Amino acid sequence: MQVLVNHDHNIAGGESLQNYVENLMFDVLHNFRDQVTRVEVHVADENGKKGGDDDMRCTMEVRLRGLQPFAVTHHDKNIHAAIDGAADRVNRSVRKTVQKRREA
């Protein structure tokens, strides 16, 4: 499973953000790692220097083997909370998708 992290100019990215996201996604998708080929993570501060509640956005695009990619988005007060929220949504979506695939 490949994990790619992109961020806008308002987010301090770097190796620590990359490591955080990679470790989180490997933990969250541990049971599905043979079916998930890639996760693209996009984090952004929508209001920039203006601040505001829930202005941090994390969008994750997930590619499952043999299926069309899908995306989830989560807004929160800080970047780690936004990433964690999006990861939780990814986990639920992947679990449902894999379950439907097995039932078919």
C-alpha atoms as a PDB file:
ATOM      1  CA  MET A   1       0.000   0.000   0.000  1.00  0.00           C
ATOM      2  CA  GLN A   2       1.350   3.364  -1.046  1.00  0.00           C
ATOM      3  CA  VAL A   3       0.548   6.475   1.017  1.00  0.00           C
ATOM      4  CA  LEU A   4       1.065   9.900  -0.575  1.00  0.00           C
ATOM      5  CA  VAL A   5       0.688  13.097   1.454  1.00  0.00           C
ATOM      6  CA  ASN A   6       0.106  16.518  -0.115  1.00  0.00           C
ATOM      7  CA  HIS A   7      -0.427  19.792   1.735  1.00  0.00           C
ATOM      8  CA  ASP A   8      -1.047  23.412   0.900  1.00  0.00           C
ATOM      9  CA  HIS A   9       1.366  26.246   1.709  1.00  0.00           C
ATOM     10  CA  ASN A  10      -0.446  26.972   5.012  1.00  0.00           C
ATOM     11  CA  ILE A  11       0.397  23.551   6.481  1.00  0.00           C
ATOM     12  CA  ALA A  12       3.811  22.728   7.908  1.00  0.00           C
ATOM     13  CA  GLY A  13       4.353  19.359   6.269  1.00  0.00           C
ATOM     14  CA  GLY A  14       7.580  17.507   6.115  1.00  0.00           C
ATOM     15  CA  GLU A  15       8.751  14.143   7.288  1.00  0.00           C
ATOM     16  CA  SER A  16       6.862  14.209  10.600  1.00  0.00           C
ATOM     17  CA  LEU A  17       3.498  14.727   8.855  1.00  0.00           C
ATOM     18  CA  GLN A  18       4.327  12.032   6.291  1.00  0.00           C
ATOM     19  CA  ASN A  19       5.280   9.570   9.053  1.00  0.00           C
ATOM     20  CA  TYR A  20       2.163  10.384  11.091  1.00  0.00           C
ATOM     21  CA  VAL A  21      -0.152   9.788   8.136  1.00  0.00           C
ATOM     22  CA  GLU A  22       1.653   6.638   6.959  1.00  0.00           C
ATOM     23  CA  ASN A  23       1.613   5.050  10.426  1.00  0.00           C
ATOM     24  CA  LEU A  24      -2.042   5.951  10.925  1.00  0.00           C
ATOM     25  CA  MET A  25      -3.127   4.555   7.556  1.00  0.00           C
ATOM     26  CA  PHE A  26      -1.164   1.327   8.015  1.00  0.00           C
ATOM     27  CA  ASP A  27      -2.828   0.892  11.431  1.00  0.00           C
ATOM     28  CA  VAL A  28      -6.328   1.792  10.225  1.00  0.00           C
ATOM     29  CA  LEU A  29      -6.157  -0.331   7.064  1.00  0.00           C
ATOM     30  CA  HIS A  30      -4.115  -3.190   8.510  1.00  0.00           C
ATOM     31  CA  ASN A  31      -6.842  -5.772   7.782  1.00  0.00           C
ATOM     32  CA  PHE A  32      -7.253  -4.536   4.204  1.00  0.00           C
ATOM     33  CA  ARG A  33      -3.622  -3.828   3.208  1.00  0.00           C
ATOM     34  CA  ASP A  34      -3.688  -6.494   0.480  1.00  0.00           C
ATOM     35  CA  GLN A  35      -6.717  -4.840  -1.148  1.00  0.00           C
ATOM     36  CA  VAL A  36      -5.771  -1.158  -0.826  1.00  0.00           C
ATOM     37  CA  THR A  37      -3.200  -0.155  -3.431  1.00  0.00           C
ATOM     38  CA  ARG A  38      -2.865   3.566  -2.706  1.00  0.00           C
ATOM     39  CA  VAL A  39      -4.089   6.307  -0.398  1.00  0.00           C
ATOM     40  CA  GLU A  40      -3.642   9.941  -1.426  1.00  0.00           C
ATOM     41  CA  VAL A  41      -3.993  12.392   1.432  1.00  0.00           C
ATOM     42  CA  HIS A  42      -4.551  16.108   0.869  1.00  0.00           C
ATOM     43  CA  VAL A  43      -4.467  18.440   3.889  1.00  0.00           C
ATOM     44  CA  ALA A  44      -5.253  22.137   3.799  1.00  0.00           C
ATOM     45  CA  ASP A  45      -5.995  25.116   6.000  1.00  0.00           C
ATOM     46  CA  GLU A  46      -9.022  26.589   4.270  1.00  0.00           C
ATOM     47  CA  ASN A  47      -8.888  29.971   6.016  1.00  0.00           C
ATOM     48  CA  GLY A  48      -5.130  30.388   6.113  1.00  0.00           C
ATOM     49  CA  LYS A  49      -3.988  33.051   8.569  1.00  0.00           C
ATOM     50  CA  LYS A  50      -7.561  34.151   9.291  1.00  0.00           C
ATOM     51  CA  GLY A  51      -8.160  31.120  11.519  1.00  0.00           C
ATOM     52  CA  GLY A  52     -11.563  29.797  12.435  1.00  0.00           C
ATOM     53  CA  ASP A  53     -13.262  26.679  13.729  1.00  0.00           C
ATOM     54  CA  ASP A  54     -13.135  23.515  11.657  1.00  0.00           C
ATOM     55  CA  ASP A  55     -11.055  25.160   8.943  1.00  0.00           C
ATOM     56  CA  MET A  56      -8.575  22.313   8.627  1.00  0.00           C
ATOM     57  CA  ARG A  57      -9.544  19.927   5.825  1.00  0.00           C
ATOM     58  CA  CYS A  58      -8.278  16.443   5.108  1.00  0.00           C
ATOM     59  CA  THR A  59      -9.362  14.641   1.957  1.00  0.00           C
ATOM     60  CA  MET A  60      -8.307  11.046   1.389  1.00  0.00           C
ATOM     61  CA  GLU A  61      -8.636   9.254  -1.933  1.00  0.00           C
ATOM     62  CA  VAL A  62      -8.472   5.474  -1.609  1.00  0.00           C
ATOM     63  CA  ARG A  63      -7.824   3.013  -4.412  1.00  0.00           C
ATOM     64  CA  LEU A  64      -8.977  -0.536  -3.858  1.00  0.00           C
ATOM     65  CA  ARG A  65      -7.728  -3.270  -6.162  1.00  0.00           C
ATOM     66  CA  GLY A  66     -10.202  -3.731  -9.039  1.00  0.00           C
ATOM     67  CA  LEU A  67     -12.542  -0.889  -8.039  1.00  0.00           C
ATOM     68  CA  GLN A  68     -12.959   2.794  -8.789  1.00  0.00           C
ATOM     69  CA  PRO A  69     -11.265   5.130  -6.306  1.00  0.00           C
ATOM     70  CA  PHE A  70     -13.379   6.945  -3.738  1.00  0.00           C
ATOM     71  CA  ALA A  71     -12.727   9.958  -1.543  1.00  0.00           C
ATOM     72  CA  VAL A  72     -13.713  11.112   1.931  1.00  0.00           C
ATOM     73  CA  THR A  73     -13.298  14.544   3.520  1.00  0.00           C
ATOM     74  CA  HIS A  74     -13.223  15.639   7.142  1.00  0.00           C
ATOM     75  CA  HIS A  75     -13.012  19.158   8.605  1.00  0.00           C
ATOM     76  CA  ASP A  76     -11.788  19.815  12.140  1.00  0.00           C
ATOM     77  CA  LYS A  77     -10.101  22.358  14.408  1.00  0.00           C
ATOM     78  CA  ASN A  78      -6.522  21.103  13.896  1.00  0.00           C
ATOM     79  CA  ILE A  79      -4.735  19.133  11.227  1.00  0.00           C
ATOM     80  CA  HIS A  80      -4.248  15.954  13.263  1.00  0.00           C
ATOM     81  CA  ALA A  81      -7.931  15.840  14.213  1.00  0.00           C
ATOM     82  CA  ALA A  82      -8.881  16.328  10.546  1.00  0.00           C
ATOM     83  CA  ILE A  83      -6.544  13.507   9.493  1.00  0.00           C
ATOM     84  CA  ASP A  84      -7.844  11.203  12.229  1.00  0.00           C
ATOM     85  CA  GLY A  85     -11.460  11.932  11.277  1.00  0.00           C
ATOM     86  CA  ALA A  86     -10.825  11.254   7.610  1.00  0.00           C
ATOM     87  CA  ALA A  87      -8.975   8.026   8.480  1.00  0.00           C
ATOM     88  CA  ASP A  88     -11.979   6.873  10.505  1.00  0.00           C
ATOM     89  CA  ARG A  89     -14.256   7.541   7.526  1.00  0.00           C
ATOM     90  CA  VAL A  90     -11.871   5.653   5.234  1.00  0.00           C
ATOM     91  CA  ASN A  91     -11.897   2.685   7.598  1.00  0.00           C
ATOM     92  CA  ARG A  92     -15.702   2.519   7.620  1.00  0.00           C
ATOM     93  CA  SER A  93     -15.959   2.939   3.837  1.00  0.00           C
ATOM     94  CA  VAL A  94     -13.334   0.311   3.058  1.00  0.00           C
ATOM     95  CA  ARG A  95     -14.902  -2.128   5.521  1.00  0.00           C
ATOM     96  CA  LYS A  96     -18.353  -1.682   3.926  1.00  0.00           C
ATOM     97  CA  THR A  97     -16.981  -1.951   0.401  1.00  0.00           C
ATOM     98  CA  VAL A  98     -15.012  -5.120   1.142  1.00  0.00           C
ATOM     99  CA  GLN A  99     -18.010  -6.640   2.923  1.00  0.00           C
ATOM    100  CA  LYS A 100     -20.296  -5.916  -0.056  1.00  0.00           C
ATOM    101  CA  ARG A 101     -17.711  -7.376  -2.414  1.00  0.00           C
ATOM    102  CA  ARG A 102     -17.547 -10.617  -0.385  1.00  0.00           C
ATOM    103  CA  GLU A 103     -21.356 -10.907  -0.292  1.00  0.00           C
ATOM    104  CA  ALA A 104     -21.692 -10.483  -4.052  1.00  0.00           C
END
